[in-house]
Amino acid sequence: MSAEVDELRVFVSWSGERSKTIALALHSWLRKVTQGARYWVSPKDIEGGSLWDLEIAASLRPATLGSPS
């Protein structure tokens, strides 16, 4: 058994303005209270002009934990 632990990846999704606000707050809070994980939320991690659907698909592939808002 390997002593190496896979990196935790968290994809935070949202739909609508209220859940977007909650997703951004959750993203910010999780980064403050946990270590050694990668968090992804579209308003922070997709640059303007990007092909958003491809960015989301690429980010979901390695995600190990999801939190729908």
PDB file of N, CA and C in Angstrom:
ATOM      1  N   MET A   1       0.843  -1.173   0.000  1.00  0.00           N
ATOM      2  CA  MET A   1       0.000   0.000   0.000  1.00  0.00           C
ATOM      3  C   MET A   1       0.890   1.238   0.000  1.00  0.00           C
ATOM      4  N   SER A   2       0.561   2.212  -0.841  1.00  0.00           N
ATOM      5  CA  SER A   2       1.341   3.436  -0.969  1.00  0.00           C
ATOM      6  C   SER A   2       1.047   4.392   0.182  1.00  0.00           C
ATOM      7  N   ALA A   3       2.096   5.034   0.690  1.00  0.00           N
ATOM      8  CA  ALA A   3       1.918   6.030   1.752  1.00  0.00           C
ATOM      9  C   ALA A   3       1.476   7.365   1.175  1.00  0.00           C
ATOM     10  N   GLU A   4       1.563   7.508  -0.145  1.00  0.00           N
ATOM     11  CA  GLU A   4       1.173   8.753  -0.794  1.00  0.00           C
ATOM     12  C   GLU A   4      -0.346   8.868  -0.843  1.00  0.00           C
ATOM     13  N   VAL A   5      -0.863  10.043  -0.512  1.00  0.00           N
ATOM     14  CA  VAL A   5      -2.302  10.286  -0.520  1.00  0.00           C
ATOM     15  C   VAL A   5      -2.630  11.172  -1.707  1.00  0.00           C
ATOM     16  N   ASP A   6      -3.669  10.808  -2.441  1.00  0.00           N
ATOM     17  CA  ASP A   6      -4.101  11.645  -3.554  1.00  0.00           C
ATOM     18  C   ASP A   6      -4.590  12.991  -3.044  1.00  0.00           C
ATOM     19  N   GLU A   7      -4.378  14.000  -3.845  1.00  0.00           N
ATOM     20  CA  GLU A   7      -4.818  15.338  -3.488  1.00  0.00           C
ATOM     21  C   GLU A   7      -6.344  15.420  -3.543  1.00  0.00           C
ATOM     22  N   LEU A   8      -6.938  16.031  -2.547  1.00  0.00           N
ATOM     23  CA  LEU A   8      -8.378  16.238  -2.511  1.00  0.00           C
ATOM     24  C   LEU A   8      -8.713  17.396  -3.436  1.00  0.00           C
ATOM     25  N   ARG A   9      -9.652  17.178  -4.342  1.00  0.00           N
ATOM     26  CA  ARG A   9     -10.109  18.222  -5.256  1.00  0.00           C
ATOM     27  C   ARG A   9     -11.598  18.416  -5.052  1.00  0.00           C
ATOM     28  N   VAL A  10     -12.002  19.661  -4.850  1.00  0.00           N
ATOM     29  CA  VAL A  10     -13.393  19.978  -4.555  1.00  0.00           C
ATOM     30  C   VAL A  10     -13.934  20.906  -5.636  1.00  0.00           C
ATOM     31  N   PHE A  11     -15.004  20.494  -6.283  1.00  0.00           N
ATOM     32  CA  PHE A  11     -15.687  21.276  -7.307  1.00  0.00           C
ATOM     33  C   PHE A  11     -16.955  21.831  -6.675  1.00  0.00           C
ATOM     34  N   VAL A  12     -17.059  23.151  -6.571  1.00  0.00           N
ATOM     35  CA  VAL A  12     -18.236  23.789  -5.972  1.00  0.00           C
ATOM     36  C   VAL A  12     -19.085  24.353  -7.108  1.00  0.00           C
ATOM     37  N   SER A  13     -20.314  23.877  -7.236  1.00  0.00           N
ATOM     38  CA  SER A  13     -21.179  24.335  -8.313  1.00  0.00           C
ATOM     39  C   SER A  13     -22.289  25.234  -7.778  1.00  0.00           C
ATOM     40  N   TRP A  14     -22.917  25.969  -8.686  1.00  0.00           N
ATOM     41  CA  TRP A  14     -23.977  26.896  -8.303  1.00  0.00           C
ATOM     42  C   TRP A  14     -24.880  27.163  -9.496  1.00  0.00           C
ATOM     43  N   SER A  15     -26.064  27.712  -9.223  1.00  0.00           N
ATOM     44  CA  SER A  15     -27.016  28.095 -10.264  1.00  0.00           C
ATOM     45  C   SER A  15     -27.863  29.231  -9.717  1.00  0.00           C
ATOM     46  N   GLY A  16     -27.746  30.396 -10.292  1.00  0.00           N
ATOM     47  CA  GLY A  16     -28.499  31.555  -9.814  1.00  0.00           C
ATOM     48  C   GLY A  16     -27.653  32.420  -8.886  1.00  0.00           C
ATOM     49  N   GLU A  17     -28.083  33.642  -8.715  1.00  0.00           N
ATOM     50  CA  GLU A  17     -27.297  34.603  -7.943  1.00  0.00           C
ATOM     51  C   GLU A  17     -27.146  34.230  -6.465  1.00  0.00           C
ATOM     52  N   ARG A  18     -28.214  33.759  -5.834  1.00  0.00           N
ATOM     53  CA  ARG A  18     -28.131  33.409  -4.410  1.00  0.00           C
ATOM     54  C   ARG A  18     -27.147  32.270  -4.184  1.00  0.00           C
ATOM     55  N   SER A  19     -27.252  31.220  -4.987  1.00  0.00           N
ATOM     56  CA  SER A  19     -26.346  30.089  -4.788  1.00  0.00           C
ATOM     57  C   SER A  19     -24.922  30.432  -5.235  1.00  0.00           C
ATOM     58  N   LYS A  20     -24.766  31.377  -6.167  1.00  0.00           N
ATOM     59  CA  LYS A  20     -23.426  31.844  -6.536  1.00  0.00           C
ATOM     60  C   LYS A  20     -22.757  32.503  -5.336  1.00  0.00           C
ATOM     61  N   THR A  21     -23.510  33.335  -4.620  1.00  0.00           N
ATOM     62  CA  THR A  21     -22.983  33.986  -3.422  1.00  0.00           C
ATOM     63  C   THR A  21     -22.570  32.955  -2.374  1.00  0.00           C
ATOM     64  N   ILE A  22     -23.407  31.942  -2.186  1.00  0.00           N
ATOM     65  CA  ILE A  22     -23.109  30.880  -1.221  1.00  0.00           C
ATOM     66  C   ILE A  22     -21.884  30.074  -1.676  1.00  0.00           C
ATOM     67  N   ALA A  23     -21.816  29.746  -2.958  1.00  0.00           N
ATOM     68  CA  ALA A  23     -20.677  28.979  -3.485  1.00  0.00           C
ATOM     69  C   ALA A  23     -19.367  29.732  -3.291  1.00  0.00           C
ATOM     70  N   LEU A  24     -19.374  31.036  -3.550  1.00  0.00           N
ATOM     71  CA  LEU A  24     -18.160  31.838  -3.366  1.00  0.00           C
ATOM     72  C   LEU A  24     -17.761  31.912  -1.901  1.00  0.00           C
ATOM     73  N   ALA A  25     -18.750  32.051  -1.014  1.00  0.00           N
ATOM     74  CA  ALA A  25     -18.457  32.080   0.425  1.00  0.00           C
ATOM     75  C   ALA A  25     -17.900  30.728   0.881  1.00  0.00           C
ATOM     76  N   LEU A  26     -18.499  29.631   0.412  1.00  0.00           N
ATOM     77  CA  LEU A  26     -18.019  28.289   0.767  1.00  0.00           C
ATOM     78  C   LEU A  26     -16.594  28.084   0.250  1.00  0.00           C
ATOM     79  N   HIS A  27     -16.338  28.489  -0.964  1.00  0.00           N
ATOM     80  CA  HIS A  27     -15.005  28.385  -1.565  1.00  0.00           C
ATOM     81  C   HIS A  27     -13.984  29.122  -0.712  1.00  0.00           C
ATOM     82  N   SER A  28     -14.303  30.339  -0.327  1.00  0.00           N
ATOM     83  CA  SER A  28     -13.398  31.147   0.496  1.00  0.00           C
ATOM     84  C   SER A  28     -13.183  30.520   1.875  1.00  0.00           C
ATOM     85  N   TRP A  29     -14.259  30.075   2.503  1.00  0.00           N
ATOM     86  CA  TRP A  29     -14.173  29.494   3.844  1.00  0.00           C
ATOM     87  C   TRP A  29     -13.367  28.202   3.838  1.00  0.00           C
ATOM     88  N   LEU A  30     -13.643  27.324   2.870  1.00  0.00           N
ATOM     89  CA  LEU A  30     -12.921  26.055   2.799  1.00  0.00           C
ATOM     90  C   LEU A  30     -11.423  26.268   2.654  1.00  0.00           C
ATOM     91  N   ARG A  31     -11.035  27.257   1.854  1.00  0.00           N
ATOM     92  CA  ARG A  31      -9.602  27.535   1.664  1.00  0.00           C
ATOM     93  C   ARG A  31      -8.948  27.993   2.963  1.00  0.00           C
ATOM     94  N   LYS A  32      -9.726  28.604   3.849  1.00  0.00           N
ATOM     95  CA  LYS A  32      -9.182  29.091   5.122  1.00  0.00           C
ATOM     96  C   LYS A  32      -9.092  27.994   6.179  1.00  0.00           C
ATOM     97  N   VAL A  33      -9.996  27.023   6.141  1.00  0.00           N
ATOM     98  CA  VAL A  33     -10.071  26.041   7.226  1.00  0.00           C
ATOM     99  C   VAL A  33      -9.486  24.679   6.889  1.00  0.00           C
ATOM    100  N   THR A  34      -9.101  24.471   5.638  1.00  0.00           N
ATOM    101  CA  THR A  34      -8.512  23.184   5.269  1.00  0.00           C
ATOM    102  C   THR A  34      -7.195  23.412   4.537  1.00  0.00           C
ATOM    103  N   GLN A  35      -6.369  22.395   4.557  1.00  0.00           N
ATOM    104  CA  GLN A  35      -5.086  22.469   3.870  1.00  0.00           C
ATOM    105  C   GLN A  35      -4.941  21.274   2.950  1.00  0.00           C
ATOM    106  N   GLY A  36      -4.126  21.426   1.938  1.00  0.00           N
ATOM    107  CA  GLY A  36      -3.796  20.306   1.075  1.00  0.00           C
ATOM    108  C   GLY A  36      -4.882  19.903   0.111  1.00  0.00           C
ATOM    109  N   ALA A  37      -5.784  20.816  -0.205  1.00  0.00           N
ATOM    110  CA  ALA A  37      -6.847  20.505  -1.158  1.00  0.00           C
ATOM    111  C   ALA A  37      -6.899  21.602  -2.215  1.00  0.00           C
ATOM    112  N   ARG A  38      -7.461  21.259  -3.353  1.00  0.00           N
ATOM    113  CA  ARG A  38      -7.689  22.236  -4.415  1.00  0.00           C
ATOM    114  C   ARG A  38      -9.182  22.463  -4.539  1.00  0.00           C
ATOM    115  N   TYR A  39      -9.567  23.713  -4.582  1.00  0.00           N
ATOM    116  CA  TYR A  39     -10.977  24.076  -4.691  1.00  0.00           C
ATOM    117  C   TYR A  39     -11.202  24.789  -6.003  1.00  0.00           C
ATOM    118  N   TRP A  40     -12.319  24.496  -6.653  1.00  0.00           N
ATOM    119  CA  TRP A  40     -12.627  25.083  -7.946  1.00  0.00           C
ATOM    120  C   TRP A  40     -14.052  25.605  -7.919  1.00  0.00           C
ATOM    121  N   VAL A  41     -14.229  26.856  -8.313  1.00  0.00           N
ATOM    122  CA  VAL A  41     -15.548  27.457  -8.475  1.00  0.00           C
ATOM    123  C   VAL A  41     -15.451  28.396  -9.677  1.00  0.00           C
ATOM    124  N   SER A  42     -16.405  28.304 -10.583  1.00  0.00           N
ATOM    125  CA  SER A  42     -16.284  28.971 -11.879  1.00  0.00           C
ATOM    126  C   SER A  42     -16.047  30.483 -11.847  1.00  0.00           C
ATOM    127  N   PRO A  43     -16.704  31.278 -10.987  1.00  0.00           N
ATOM    128  CA  PRO A  43     -16.440  32.720 -11.037  1.00  0.00           C
ATOM    129  C   PRO A  43     -14.981  33.074 -10.720  1.00  0.00           C
ATOM    130  N   LYS A  44     -14.291  32.224 -10.010  1.00  0.00           N
ATOM    131  CA  LYS A  44     -12.894  32.469  -9.650  1.00  0.00           C
ATOM    132  C   LYS A  44     -11.920  31.785 -10.610  1.00  0.00           C
ATOM    133  N   ASP A  45     -12.334  30.676 -11.205  1.00  0.00           N
ATOM    134  CA  ASP A  45     -11.392  29.833 -11.928  1.00  0.00           C
ATOM    135  C   ASP A  45     -11.595  29.752 -13.443  1.00  0.00           C
ATOM    136  N   ILE A  46     -12.552  30.502 -13.974  1.00  0.00           N
ATOM    137  CA  ILE A  46     -12.713  30.579 -15.427  1.00  0.00           C
ATOM    138  C   ILE A  46     -12.464  32.021 -15.834  1.00  0.00           C
ATOM    139  N   GLU A  47     -11.502  32.212 -16.719  1.00  0.00           N
ATOM    140  CA  GLU A  47     -11.202  33.559 -17.201  1.00  0.00           C
ATOM    141  C   GLU A  47     -12.229  33.978 -18.243  1.00  0.00           C
ATOM    142  N   GLY A  48     -12.487  35.286 -18.305  1.00  0.00           N
ATOM    143  CA  GLY A  48     -13.404  35.812 -19.303  1.00  0.00           C
ATOM    144  C   GLY A  48     -12.975  35.414 -20.701  1.00  0.00           C
ATOM    145  N   GLY A  49     -13.940  35.040 -21.539  1.00  0.00           N
ATOM    146  CA  GLY A  49     -13.643  34.639 -22.904  1.00  0.00           C
ATOM    147  C   GLY A  49     -13.293  33.170 -23.072  1.00  0.00           C
ATOM    148  N   SER A  50     -13.161  32.456 -21.967  1.00  0.00           N
ATOM    149  CA  SER A  50     -12.842  31.020 -22.045  1.00  0.00           C
ATOM    150  C   SER A  50     -14.061  30.229 -22.506  1.00  0.00           C
ATOM    151  N   LEU A  51     -13.819  29.054 -23.002  1.00  0.00           N
ATOM    152  CA  LEU A  51     -14.908  28.143 -23.344  1.00  0.00           C
ATOM    153  C   LEU A  51     -15.352  27.468 -22.042  1.00  0.00           C
ATOM    154  N   TRP A  52     -16.350  28.070 -21.392  1.00  0.00           N
ATOM    155  CA  TRP A  52     -16.732  27.685 -20.037  1.00  0.00           C
ATOM    156  C   TRP A  52     -17.108  26.222 -19.920  1.00  0.00           C
ATOM    157  N   ASP A  53     -17.802  25.662 -20.919  1.00  0.00           N
ATOM    158  CA  ASP A  53     -18.221  24.266 -20.814  1.00  0.00           C
ATOM    159  C   ASP A  53     -17.029  23.310 -20.814  1.00  0.00           C
ATOM    160  N   LEU A  54     -16.002  23.644 -21.588  1.00  0.00           N
ATOM    161  CA  LEU A  54     -14.796  22.804 -21.594  1.00  0.00           C
ATOM    162  C   LEU A  54     -14.012  22.963 -20.291  1.00  0.00           C
ATOM    163  N   GLU A  55     -13.982  24.180 -19.757  1.00  0.00           N
ATOM    164  CA  GLU A  55     -13.297  24.433 -18.476  1.00  0.00           C
ATOM    165  C   GLU A  55     -13.966  23.645 -17.342  1.00  0.00           C
ATOM    166  N   ILE A  56     -15.290  23.665 -17.320  1.00  0.00           N
ATOM    167  CA  ILE A  56     -16.022  22.932 -16.275  1.00  0.00           C
ATOM    168  C   ILE A  56     -15.794  21.432 -16.413  1.00  0.00           C
ATOM    169  N   ALA A  57     -15.899  20.909 -17.626  1.00  0.00           N
ATOM    170  CA  ALA A  57     -15.690  19.470 -17.853  1.00  0.00           C
ATOM    171  C   ALA A  57     -14.283  19.057 -17.425  1.00  0.00           C
ATOM    172  N   ALA A  58     -13.284  19.865 -17.775  1.00  0.00           N
ATOM    173  CA  ALA A  58     -11.900  19.542 -17.409  1.00  0.00           C
ATOM    174  C   ALA A  58     -11.704  19.586 -15.902  1.00  0.00           C
ATOM    175  N   SER A  59     -12.423  20.455 -15.217  1.00  0.00           N
ATOM    176  CA  SER A  59     -12.284  20.560 -13.768  1.00  0.00           C
ATOM    177  C   SER A  59     -13.043  19.469 -13.028  1.00  0.00           C
ATOM    178  N   LEU A  60     -14.118  18.986 -13.602  1.00  0.00           N
ATOM    179  CA  LEU A  60     -14.878  17.908 -12.965  1.00  0.00           C
ATOM    180  C   LEU A  60     -14.166  16.562 -13.027  1.00  0.00           C
ATOM    181  N   ARG A  61     -13.433  16.323 -14.095  1.00  0.00           N
ATOM    182  CA  ARG A  61     -12.776  15.022 -14.270  1.00  0.00           C
ATOM    183  C   ARG A  61     -11.960  14.594 -13.053  1.00  0.00           C
ATOM    184  N   PRO A  62     -11.040  15.433 -12.542  1.00  0.00           N
ATOM    185  CA  PRO A  62     -10.229  14.992 -11.418  1.00  0.00           C
ATOM    186  C   PRO A  62     -10.851  15.250 -10.038  1.00  0.00           C
ATOM    187  N   ALA A  63     -12.032  15.887  -9.999  1.00  0.00           N
ATOM    188  CA  ALA A  63     -12.644  16.219  -8.709  1.00  0.00           C
ATOM    189  C   ALA A  63     -12.960  14.957  -7.917  1.00  0.00           C
ATOM    190  N   THR A  64     -12.691  15.008  -6.621  1.00  0.00           N
ATOM    191  CA  THR A  64     -12.975  13.868  -5.754  1.00  0.00           C
ATOM    192  C   THR A  64     -14.126  14.162  -4.794  1.00  0.00           C
ATOM    193  N   LEU A  65     -14.571  15.418  -4.763  1.00  0.00           N
ATOM    194  CA  LEU A  65     -15.673  15.803  -3.883  1.00  0.00           C
ATOM    195  C   LEU A  65     -16.412  16.953  -4.525  1.00  0.00           C
ATOM    196  N   GLY A  66     -17.742  16.890  -4.579  1.00  0.00           N
ATOM    197  CA  GLY A  66     -18.530  17.949  -5.159  1.00  0.00           C
ATOM    198  C   GLY A  66     -19.553  18.458  -4.161  1.00  0.00           C
ATOM    199  N   SER A  67     -19.886  19.730  -4.277  1.00  0.00           N
ATOM    200  CA  SER A  67     -20.858  20.342  -3.380  1.00  0.00           C
ATOM    201  C   SER A  67     -21.821  21.209  -4.172  1.00  0.00           C
ATOM    202  N   PRO A  68     -22.979  20.663  -4.570  1.00  0.00           N
ATOM    203  CA  PRO A  68     -23.924  21.489  -5.298  1.00  0.00           C
ATOM    204  C   PRO A  68     -24.541  22.516  -4.356  1.00  0.00           C
ATOM    205  N   SER A  69     -24.640  23.743  -4.808  1.00  0.00           N
ATOM    206  CA  SER A  69     -25.246  24.812  -3.990  1.00  0.00           C
ATOM    207  C   SER A  69     -26.648  25.079  -4.448  1.00  0.00           C
TER     208      SER A  69
END
